[in-house]
C-alpha atoms as a PDB file:
ATOM      1  CA  MET A   1      78.789  70.782  65.740  1.00  0.00           C
ATOM      2  CA  PRO A   2      81.041  72.268  68.390  1.00  0.00           C
ATOM      3  CA  GLY A   3      84.300  73.452  66.923  1.00  0.00           C
ATOM      4  CA  ARG A   4      82.820  74.419  63.541  1.00  0.00           C
ATOM      5  CA  SER A   5      81.242  77.701  62.549  1.00  0.00           C
ATOM      6  CA  SER A   6      77.589  77.518  61.556  1.00  0.00           C
ATOM      7  CA  SER A   7      75.576  79.730  59.231  1.00  0.00           C
ATOM      8  CA  SER A   8      72.323  79.184  61.118  1.00  0.00           C
ATOM      9  CA  SER A   9      71.109  82.235  63.006  1.00  0.00           C
ATOM     10  CA  GLY A  10      71.960  82.276  66.712  1.00  0.00           C
ATOM     11  CA  SER A  11      73.981  79.065  66.558  1.00  0.00           C
ATOM     12  CA  THR A  12      77.727  78.582  66.358  1.00  0.00           C
ATOM     13  CA  GLY A  13      80.412  76.168  67.410  1.00  0.00           C
ATOM     14  CA  PHE A  14      83.124  78.809  67.220  1.00  0.00           C
ATOM     15  CA  ILE A  15      82.749  82.317  68.615  1.00  0.00           C
ATOM     16  CA  SER A  16      85.244  85.002  67.684  1.00  0.00           C
ATOM     17  CA  PHE A  17      86.220  87.210  70.591  1.00  0.00           C
ATOM     18  CA  SER A  18      88.551  89.478  68.611  1.00  0.00           C
ATOM     19  CA  GLY A  19      86.242  92.472  69.023  1.00  0.00           C
ATOM     20  CA  VAL A  20      85.838  91.870  72.770  1.00  0.00           C
ATOM     21  CA  GLU A  21      89.574  91.378  73.269  1.00  0.00           C
ATOM     22  CA  SER A  22      90.258  94.589  71.353  1.00  0.00           C
ATOM     23  CA  ALA A  23      87.872  96.437  73.676  1.00  0.00           C
ATOM     24  CA  LEU A  24      89.630  94.860  76.660  1.00  0.00           C
ATOM     25  CA  SER A  25      92.928  96.189  75.386  1.00  0.00           C
ATOM     26  CA  SER A  26      91.411  99.679  75.276  1.00  0.00           C
ATOM     27  CA  LEU A  27      90.183  99.297  78.866  1.00  0.00           C
ATOM     28  CA  LYS A  28      93.677  98.331  79.987  1.00  0.00           C
ATOM     29  CA  THR A  29      95.014 101.434  78.257  1.00  0.00           C
ATOM     30  CA  PHE A  30      92.490 103.452  80.247  1.00  0.00           C
ATOM     31  CA  GLN A  31      93.800 101.793  83.408  1.00  0.00           C
ATOM     32  CA  SER A  32      97.261 103.150  82.615  1.00  0.00           C
ATOM     33  CA  CYS A  33      95.689 106.611  82.231  1.00  0.00           C
ATOM     34  CA  ILE A  34      94.180 106.271  85.723  1.00  0.00           C
ATOM     35  CA  SER A  35      97.605 105.277  87.034  1.00  0.00           C
ATOM     36  CA  SER A  36      99.187 108.353  85.430  1.00  0.00           C
ATOM     37  CA  GLY A  37      96.425 110.523  86.897  1.00  0.00           C
ATOM     38  CA  MET A  38      97.167 109.161  90.373  1.00  0.00           C
ATOM     39  CA  ASP A  39     100.870 109.900  89.916  1.00  0.00           C
ATOM     40  CA  THR A  40     100.057 113.487  88.929  1.00  0.00           C
ATOM     41  CA  ALA A  41      97.627 114.041  91.819  1.00  0.00           C
ATOM     42  CA  SER A  42     100.149 112.593  94.259  1.00  0.00           C
ATOM     43  CA  SER A  43     102.911 114.854  92.940  1.00  0.00           C
ATOM     44  CA  VAL A  44     100.699 117.945  93.206  1.00  0.00           C
ATOM     45  CA  ALA A  45      99.683 117.039  96.777  1.00  0.00           C
ATOM     46  CA  LEU A  46     103.335 116.669  97.778  1.00  0.00           C
ATOM     47  CA  ASP A  47     104.104 120.031  96.159  1.00  0.00           C
ATOM     48  CA  LEU A  48     101.342 121.619  98.231  1.00  0.00           C
ATOM     49  CA  VAL A  49     102.733 120.152 101.459  1.00  0.00           C
ATOM     50  CA  GLU A  50     106.281 121.156 100.560  1.00  0.00           C
ATOM     51  CA  THR A  51     105.262 124.755  99.840  1.00  0.00           C
ATOM     52  CA  GLN A  52     102.951 124.773 102.871  1.00  0.00           C
ATOM     53  CA  THR A  53      99.927 125.703 100.781  1.00  0.00           C
ATOM     54  CA  GLU A  54      96.517 125.828 102.458  1.00  0.00           C
ATOM     55  CA  VAL A  55      95.127 122.522 103.674  1.00  0.00           C
ATOM     56  CA  SER A  56      91.971 122.767 101.544  1.00  0.00           C
ATOM     57  CA  SER A  57      94.041 122.424  98.358  1.00  0.00           C
ATOM     58  CA  GLU A  58      95.773 119.333  99.706  1.00  0.00           C
ATOM     59  CA  TYR A  59      92.356 117.946 100.683  1.00  0.00           C
ATOM     60  CA  SER A  60      91.190 118.379  97.072  1.00  0.00           C
ATOM     61  CA  MET A  61      94.088 116.220  95.889  1.00  0.00           C
ATOM     62  CA  ASP A  62      93.200 113.637  98.519  1.00  0.00           C
ATOM     63  CA  LYS A  63      89.634 113.515  97.181  1.00  0.00           C
ATOM     64  CA  ALA A  64      90.978 113.162  93.640  1.00  0.00           C
ATOM     65  CA  MET A  65      93.112 110.193  94.733  1.00  0.00           C
ATOM     66  CA  VAL A  66      90.058 108.554  96.330  1.00  0.00           C
ATOM     67  CA  GLU A  67      88.076 108.953  93.119  1.00  0.00           C
ATOM     68  CA  PHE A  68      90.933 107.551  91.031  1.00  0.00           C
ATOM     69  CA  ALA A  69      91.292 104.571  93.396  1.00  0.00           C
ATOM     70  CA  ILE A  70      87.550 103.800  93.232  1.00  0.00           C
ATOM     71  CA  MET A  71      87.605 104.101  89.447  1.00  0.00           C
ATOM     72  CA  ASP A  72      90.585 101.750  89.256  1.00  0.00           C
ATOM     73  CA  ARG A  73      88.856  99.195  91.508  1.00  0.00           C
ATOM     74  CA  ASP A  74      85.645  99.246  89.448  1.00  0.00           C
ATOM     75  CA  LEU A  75      87.555  98.983  86.187  1.00  0.00           C
ATOM     76  CA  ASN A  76      89.559  96.047  87.531  1.00  0.00           C
ATOM     77  CA  HIS A  77      86.312  94.309  88.444  1.00  0.00           C
ATOM     78  CA  TYR A  78      84.876  94.876  84.972  1.00  0.00           C
ATOM     79  CA  VAL A  79      88.009  93.621  83.216  1.00  0.00           C
ATOM     80  CA  LYS A  80      87.994  90.508  85.419  1.00  0.00           C
ATOM     81  CA  ALA A  81      84.301  89.952  84.653  1.00  0.00           C
ATOM     82  CA  VAL A  82      84.892  90.161  80.892  1.00  0.00           C
ATOM     83  CA  GLN A  83      87.939  87.887  80.997  1.00  0.00           C
ATOM     84  CA  SER A  84      86.118  85.370  83.185  1.00  0.00           C
ATOM     85  CA  THR A  85      83.142  85.334  80.798  1.00  0.00           C
ATOM     86  CA  ILE A  86      85.356  84.804  77.754  1.00  0.00           C
ATOM     87  CA  ASN A  87      87.229  81.933  79.428  1.00  0.00           C
ATOM     88  CA  HIS A  88      83.966  80.316  80.518  1.00  0.00           C
ATOM     89  CA  VAL A  89      82.439  80.439  77.024  1.00  0.00           C
ATOM     90  CA  LYS A  90      85.647  79.122  75.435  1.00  0.00           C
ATOM     91  CA  GLU A  91      85.622  76.153  77.799  1.00  0.00           C
ATOM     92  CA  GLU A  92      81.907  75.420  77.405  1.00  0.00           C
ATOM     93  CA  ARG A  93      81.845  75.879  73.592  1.00  0.00           C
ATOM     94  CA  PRO A  94      78.037  76.335  73.504  1.00  0.00           C
ATOM     95  CA  GLU A  95      75.936  75.589  70.409  1.00  0.00           C
ATOM     96  CA  LYS A  96      74.147  78.931  70.688  1.00  0.00           C
ATOM     97  CA  ILE A  97      75.755  82.294  71.210  1.00  0.00           C
ATOM     98  CA  PRO A  98      75.128  83.277  74.847  1.00  0.00           C
ATOM     99  CA  ASP A  99      74.143  86.750  75.982  1.00  0.00           C
ATOM    100  CA  LEU A 100      77.701  87.936  76.705  1.00  0.00           C
ATOM    101  CA  LYS A 101      76.550  91.298  78.022  1.00  0.00           C
ATOM    102  CA  LEU A 102      74.266  89.667  80.589  1.00  0.00           C
ATOM    103  CA  LEU A 103      76.981  87.228  81.684  1.00  0.00           C
ATOM    104  CA  VAL A 104      79.510  90.033  82.130  1.00  0.00           C
ATOM    105  CA  GLU A 105      77.038  92.139  84.114  1.00  0.00           C
ATOM    106  CA  LYS A 106      76.292  89.230  86.480  1.00  0.00           C
ATOM    107  CA  LYS A 107      79.974  88.552  87.126  1.00  0.00           C
ATOM    108  CA  PHE A 108      80.709  92.265  87.529  1.00  0.00           C
ATOM    109  CA  LEU A 109      77.904  92.713  90.091  1.00  0.00           C
ATOM    110  CA  ALA A 110      79.126  89.655  91.987  1.00  0.00           C
ATOM    111  CA  LEU A 111      82.605  91.177  92.262  1.00  0.00           C
ATOM    112  CA  GLN A 112      81.182  94.554  93.272  1.00  0.00           C
ATOM    113  CA  ASN A 113      79.007  92.978  95.972  1.00  0.00           C
ATOM    114  CA  LYS A 114      82.037  91.285  97.507  1.00  0.00           C
ATOM    115  CA  SER A 115      83.881  94.596  97.862  1.00  0.00           C
ATOM    116  CA  SER A 116      83.366  97.109 100.652  1.00  0.00           C
ATOM    117  CA  ASP A 117      83.106 100.888 100.495  1.00  0.00           C
ATOM    118  CA  THR A 118      86.653 101.250 101.795  1.00  0.00           C
ATOM    119  CA  ASP A 119      88.552  98.462  99.999  1.00  0.00           C
ATOM    120  CA  PHE A 120      89.780 100.992  97.426  1.00  0.00           C
ATOM    121  CA  GLN A 121      92.174 102.103 100.168  1.00  0.00           C
ATOM    122  CA  ASN A 122      94.196  98.968  99.449  1.00  0.00           C
ATOM    123  CA  ASN A 123      95.115 100.397  96.057  1.00  0.00           C
ATOM    124  CA  GLU A 124      98.927 100.353  96.008  1.00  0.00           C
ATOM    125  CA  LYS A 125      99.281 103.873  94.637  1.00  0.00           C
ATOM    126  CA  PHE A 126      96.751 105.203  97.154  1.00  0.00           C
ATOM    127  CA  VAL A 127      98.609 103.537 100.040  1.00  0.00           C
ATOM    128  CA  GLN A 128     101.910 104.897  98.748  1.00  0.00           C
ATOM    129  CA  PHE A 129     100.383 108.374  98.407  1.00  0.00           C
ATOM    130  CA  LYS A 130      99.261 108.367 102.051  1.00  0.00           C
ATOM    131  CA  GLN A 131     102.650 107.164 103.266  1.00  0.00           C
ATOM    132  CA  GLN A 132     104.597 109.704 101.204  1.00  0.00           C
ATOM    133  CA  LEU A 133     102.331 112.509 102.385  1.00  0.00           C
ATOM    134  CA  LYS A 134     102.870 111.513 106.011  1.00  0.00           C
ATOM    135  CA  GLU A 135     106.640 111.237 105.577  1.00  0.00           C
ATOM    136  CA  LEU A 136     106.953 114.595 103.835  1.00  0.00           C
ATOM    137  CA  LYS A 137     104.940 116.305 106.566  1.00  0.00           C
ATOM    138  CA  LYS A 138     107.300 114.872 109.182  1.00  0.00           C
ATOM    139  CA  GLN A 139     110.400 115.866 107.225  1.00  0.00           C
ATOM    140  CA  SER A 140     109.233 119.358 106.283  1.00  0.00           C
ATOM    141  CA  VAL A 141     110.848 121.851 108.669  1.00  0.00           C
ATOM    142  CA  LYS A 142     109.932 125.524 108.358  1.00  0.00           C
ATOM    143  CA  PRO A 143     112.887 127.860 109.111  1.00  0.00           C
ATOM    144  CA  LYS A 144     112.394 130.727 111.565  1.00  0.00           C
ATOM    145  CA  GLU A 145     113.734 134.261 111.116  1.00  0.00           C
ATOM    146  CA  ASP A 146     116.919 133.564 113.056  1.00  0.00           C
ATOM    147  CA  GLY A 147     117.778 130.670 110.711  1.00  0.00           C
ATOM    148  CA  ARG A 148     116.993 127.933 113.226  1.00  0.00           C
ATOM    149  CA  HIS A 149     114.423 125.179 112.695  1.00  0.00           C
ATOM    150  CA  TYR A 150     111.311 124.201 114.571  1.00  0.00           C
ATOM    151  CA  GLU A 151     112.729 120.733 115.055  1.00  0.00           C
ATOM    152  CA  PHE A 152     115.640 122.194 117.006  1.00  0.00           C
ATOM    153  CA  ASP A 153     113.350 124.426 119.104  1.00  0.00           C
ATOM    154  CA  GLN A 154     111.092 121.460 119.910  1.00  0.00           C
ATOM    155  CA  ILE A 155     114.053 119.478 121.196  1.00  0.00           C
ATOM    156  CA  LYS A 156     115.151 122.406 123.359  1.00  0.00           C
ATOM    157  CA  ASP A 157     111.626 122.778 124.753  1.00  0.00           C
ATOM    158  CA  LYS A 158     111.492 119.090 125.505  1.00  0.00           C
ATOM    159  CA  ASP A 159     114.815 119.315 127.357  1.00  0.00           C
ATOM    160  CA  ALA A 160     113.633 122.232 129.460  1.00  0.00           C
ATOM    161  CA  SER A 161     110.450 120.540 130.623  1.00  0.00           C
ATOM    162  CA  ARG A 162     111.679 116.983 131.058  1.00  0.00           C
ATOM    163  CA  ALA A 163     113.512 117.386 134.355  1.00  0.00           C
ATOM    164  CA  GLY A 164     113.730 119.685 137.349  1.00  0.00           C
ATOM    165  CA  ASN A 165     116.901 121.376 136.133  1.00  0.00           C
ATOM    166  CA  GLU A 166     118.656 121.878 132.813  1.00  0.00           C
ATOM    167  CA  ARG A 167     121.528 119.482 133.482  1.00  0.00           C
ATOM    168  CA  ASP A 168     119.275 116.542 134.379  1.00  0.00           C
ATOM    169  CA  GLY A 169     117.043 117.272 131.406  1.00  0.00           C
ATOM    170  CA  LEU A 170     119.997 117.357 129.020  1.00  0.00           C
ATOM    171  CA  GLN A 171     121.390 114.118 130.442  1.00  0.00           C
ATOM    172  CA  ALA A 172     118.030 112.376 129.958  1.00  0.00           C
ATOM    173  CA  ASP A 173     117.997 113.404 126.306  1.00  0.00           C
ATOM    174  CA  ARG A 174     121.545 112.150 125.852  1.00  0.00           C
ATOM    175  CA  GLU A 175     120.549 108.759 127.217  1.00  0.00           C
ATOM    176  CA  VAL A 176     117.402 108.481 125.118  1.00  0.00           C
ATOM    177  CA  GLU A 177     118.720 109.852 121.832  1.00  0.00           C
ATOM    178  CA  GLY A 178     122.367 108.871 122.155  1.00  0.00           C
ATOM    179  CA  THR A 179     123.699 112.386 121.540  1.00  0.00           C
ATOM    180  CA  GLU A 180     126.414 114.372 123.243  1.00  0.00           C
ATOM    181  CA  GLY A 181     124.776 117.731 122.579  1.00  0.00           C
ATOM    182  CA  VAL A 182     121.715 119.305 121.055  1.00  0.00           C
ATOM    183  CA  ASP A 183     123.179 121.967 118.808  1.00  0.00           C
ATOM    184  CA  GLU A 184     121.517 122.435 115.457  1.00  0.00           C
ATOM    185  CA  ASP A 185     124.466 121.217 113.399  1.00  0.00           C
ATOM    186  CA  MET A 186     124.338 117.827 115.098  1.00  0.00           C
ATOM    187  CA  ILE A 187     120.574 117.549 114.546  1.00  0.00           C
ATOM    188  CA  VAL A 188     121.006 118.297 110.847  1.00  0.00           C
ATOM    189  CA  THR A 189     123.873 115.793 110.654  1.00  0.00           C
ATOM    190  CA  GLN A 190     121.681 113.092 112.200  1.00  0.00           C
ATOM    191  CA  SER A 191     118.859 113.750 109.772  1.00  0.00           C
ATOM    192  CA  GLN A 192     121.303 113.566 106.861  1.00  0.00           C
ATOM    193  CA  THR A 193     122.142 109.941 107.682  1.00  0.00           C
ATOM    194  CA  ASN A 194     118.764 109.062 106.166  1.00  0.00           C
ATOM    195  CA  PHE A 195     119.993 110.595 102.907  1.00  0.00           C
ATOM    196  CA  ILE A 196     122.886 108.139 102.508  1.00  0.00           C
ATOM    197  CA  CYS A 197     122.502 104.960 100.441  1.00  0.00           C
ATOM    198  CA  PRO A 198     123.692 101.888 102.391  1.00  0.00           C
ATOM    199  CA  ILE A 199     125.179 100.493  99.164  1.00  0.00           C
ATOM    200  CA  THR A 200     127.037 103.465  97.636  1.00  0.00           C
ATOM    201  CA  GLN A 201     127.534 105.380 100.914  1.00  0.00           C
ATOM    202  CA  LEU A 202     126.663 108.493  98.909  1.00  0.00           C
ATOM    203  CA  GLU A 203     123.727 110.875  99.143  1.00  0.00           C
ATOM    204  CA  MET A 204     120.783 109.483  97.211  1.00  0.00           C
ATOM    205  CA  LYS A 205     119.348 111.182  94.137  1.00  0.00           C
ATOM    206  CA  LYS A 206     116.594 108.709  93.283  1.00  0.00           C
ATOM    207  CA  PRO A 207     115.738 106.918  96.545  1.00  0.00           C
ATOM    208  CA  VAL A 208     113.489 103.876  96.480  1.00  0.00           C
ATOM    209  CA  LYS A 209     111.911 102.307  99.555  1.00  0.00           C
ATOM    210  CA  ASN A 210     111.669  98.608 100.306  1.00  0.00           C
ATOM    211  CA  LYS A 211     107.997  97.915 101.092  1.00  0.00           C
ATOM    212  CA  VAL A 212     108.942  94.898 103.200  1.00  0.00           C
ATOM    213  CA  CYS A 213     111.541  96.313 105.606  1.00  0.00           C
ATOM    214  CA  GLY A 214     111.127 100.072 105.012  1.00  0.00           C
ATOM    215  CA  HIS A 215     114.778 100.794 104.179  1.00  0.00           C
ATOM    216  CA  THR A 216     115.768 103.076 101.304  1.00  0.00           C
ATOM    217  CA  TYR A 217     118.493 102.811  98.681  1.00  0.00           C
ATOM    218  CA  GLU A 218     119.713 104.569  95.547  1.00  0.00           C
ATOM    219  CA  GLU A 219     117.534 103.104  92.792  1.00  0.00           C
ATOM    220  CA  GLU A 220     120.302 102.296  90.329  1.00  0.00           C
ATOM    221  CA  ALA A 221     122.472 100.681  93.027  1.00  0.00           C
ATOM    222  CA  ILE A 222     119.796  98.376  94.471  1.00  0.00           C
ATOM    223  CA  VAL A 223     118.520  97.346  91.015  1.00  0.00           C
ATOM    224  CA  ARG A 224     122.058  96.508  89.938  1.00  0.00           C
ATOM    225  CA  MET A 225     122.591  94.504  93.131  1.00  0.00           C
ATOM    226  CA  ILE A 226     119.349  92.520  92.724  1.00  0.00           C
ATOM    227  CA  GLU A 227     120.076  91.756  89.050  1.00  0.00           C
ATOM    228  CA  SER A 228     123.628  90.659  89.871  1.00  0.00           C
ATOM    229  CA  LYS A 229     122.409  88.299  92.612  1.00  0.00           C
ATOM    230  CA  HIS A 230     119.623  86.849  90.477  1.00  0.00           C
ATOM    231  CA  LYS A 231     122.025  86.130  87.603  1.00  0.00           C
ATOM    232  CA  ARG A 232     123.978  83.943  90.021  1.00  0.00           C
ATOM    233  CA  LYS A 233     120.745  82.298  91.231  1.00  0.00           C
ATOM    234  CA  LYS A 234     121.077  83.943  94.635  1.00  0.00           C
ATOM    235  CA  LYS A 235     118.738  86.027  96.765  1.00  0.00           C
ATOM    236  CA  ALA A 236     119.458  89.701  97.380  1.00  0.00           C
ATOM    237  CA  CYS A 237     119.641  90.601 101.065  1.00  0.00           C
ATOM    238  CA  CYS A 238     118.857  94.095 102.331  1.00  0.00           C
ATOM    239  CA  PRO A 239     122.239  95.906 102.540  1.00  0.00           C
ATOM    240  CA  LYS A 240     121.175  97.881 105.610  1.00  0.00           C
ATOM    241  CA  ILE A 241     123.204  96.664 108.587  1.00  0.00           C
ATOM    242  CA  GLY A 242     121.041  94.692 111.012  1.00  0.00           C
ATOM    243  CA  CYS A 243     118.140  94.144 108.588  1.00  0.00           C
ATOM    244  CA  SER A 244     116.793  90.586 108.476  1.00  0.00           C
ATOM    245  CA  HIS A 245     115.127  90.868 105.068  1.00  0.00           C
ATOM    246  CA  THR A 246     116.945  88.296 102.923  1.00  0.00           C
ATOM    247  CA  ASN A 247     115.029  88.294  99.639  1.00  0.00           C
ATOM    248  CA  ILE A 248     114.553  91.697  98.001  1.00  0.00           C
ATOM    249  CA  ARG A 249     112.488  91.612  94.809  1.00  0.00           C
ATOM    250  CA  MET A 250     112.055  94.342  92.212  1.00  0.00           C
ATOM    251  CA  SER A 251     108.353  94.415  93.051  1.00  0.00           C
ATOM    252  CA  ASP A 252     109.243  95.352  96.655  1.00  0.00           C
ATOM    253  CA  LEU A 253     110.699  98.697  95.559  1.00  0.00           C
ATOM    254  CA  ILE A 254     108.679 101.923  95.338  1.00  0.00           C
ATOM    255  CA  GLN A 255     109.793 105.471  94.614  1.00  0.00           C
ATOM    256  CA  ASP A 256     110.369 107.404  97.849  1.00  0.00           C
ATOM    257  CA  GLU A 257     109.180 110.780  96.633  1.00  0.00           C
ATOM    258  CA  ALA A 258     109.034 112.286 100.124  1.00  0.00           C
ATOM    259  CA  LEU A 259     112.688 111.489 100.831  1.00  0.00           C
ATOM    260  CA  ARG A 260     113.783 112.717  97.405  1.00  0.00           C
ATOM    261  CA  ARG A 261     112.078 116.040  98.048  1.00  0.00           C
ATOM    262  CA  ALA A 262     113.587 116.255 101.550  1.00  0.00           C
ATOM    263  CA  ILE A 263     117.086 115.731 100.116  1.00  0.00           C
ATOM    264  CA  GLU A 264     116.543 118.345  97.414  1.00  0.00           C
ATOM    265  CA  SER A 265     115.132 120.827  99.947  1.00  0.00           C
ATOM    266  CA  HIS A 266     118.111 120.286 102.264  1.00  0.00           C
ATOM    267  CA  ASN A 267     120.582 120.819  99.430  1.00  0.00           C
ATOM    268  CA  LYS A 268     118.826 124.005  98.310  1.00  0.00           C
ATOM    269  CA  LYS A 269     119.008 125.416 101.848  1.00  0.00           C
ATOM    270  CA  LYS A 270     122.661 124.449 102.091  1.00  0.00           C
ATOM    271  CA  HIS A 271     123.385 126.139  98.774  1.00  0.00           C
ATOM    272  CA  ARG A 272     121.616 129.341  99.870  1.00  0.00           C
ATOM    273  CA  GLN A 273     123.571 129.414 103.116  1.00  0.00           C
ATOM    274  CA  SER A 274     126.867 129.084 101.256  1.00  0.00           C
ATOM    275  CA  GLU A 275     126.118 132.038  98.963  1.00  0.00           C
END
């Protein structure tokens, strides 16, 4: 009868899934290993960009991230297939023990067939890796021998070619960028505004980015703010002036590794200059 164990071969009303569930637990542990591997590959890739190491090395890390993302997708599909099979058998309570392996394989193949060759790119860590890499490349500024930065030289070149004479070109830049001059100190000062937390008004040490609106905050400050609001049954609004995002969740926050590195690099340069 269903619901009772039976001694007859190949027939049972109660199937124990303890062994399967134990294996599932091991698979989930392996998933955490994949996640750690992606964190390591991402960190190495950012190191390579920061130290301006050859592009081929960075490309190797990119390939590693792709492989990790594909592995994570396939493992997710397999875990879902096993869990779905277990739930189905528990609901059906069959008289005979079904071929669990065959059922899992069918469900796994169905999930695989629904996916495309590029859907691994939706992996959150892979997306974050690409964004951080792009941001760090934009923020990395290689100093020249005279102590000036390429960013400053590019702005000067743009001024020189924008108009027929230097005065008109400078005025155009002032209108577009809202500056009263283009000296290097002012450019550095402007870039430093991205280093300041809108909550503490201090330079960030562990910046986190809001995936929804793109603004960054000091991790401890924004977490404390969200927790305080939630305790009072209120929503946490983005503290950045002018932002319309009115419901920040913990899950919206990701580590902004590129900005953290940019802040550290800036402080190291400032320390060297003061010595």
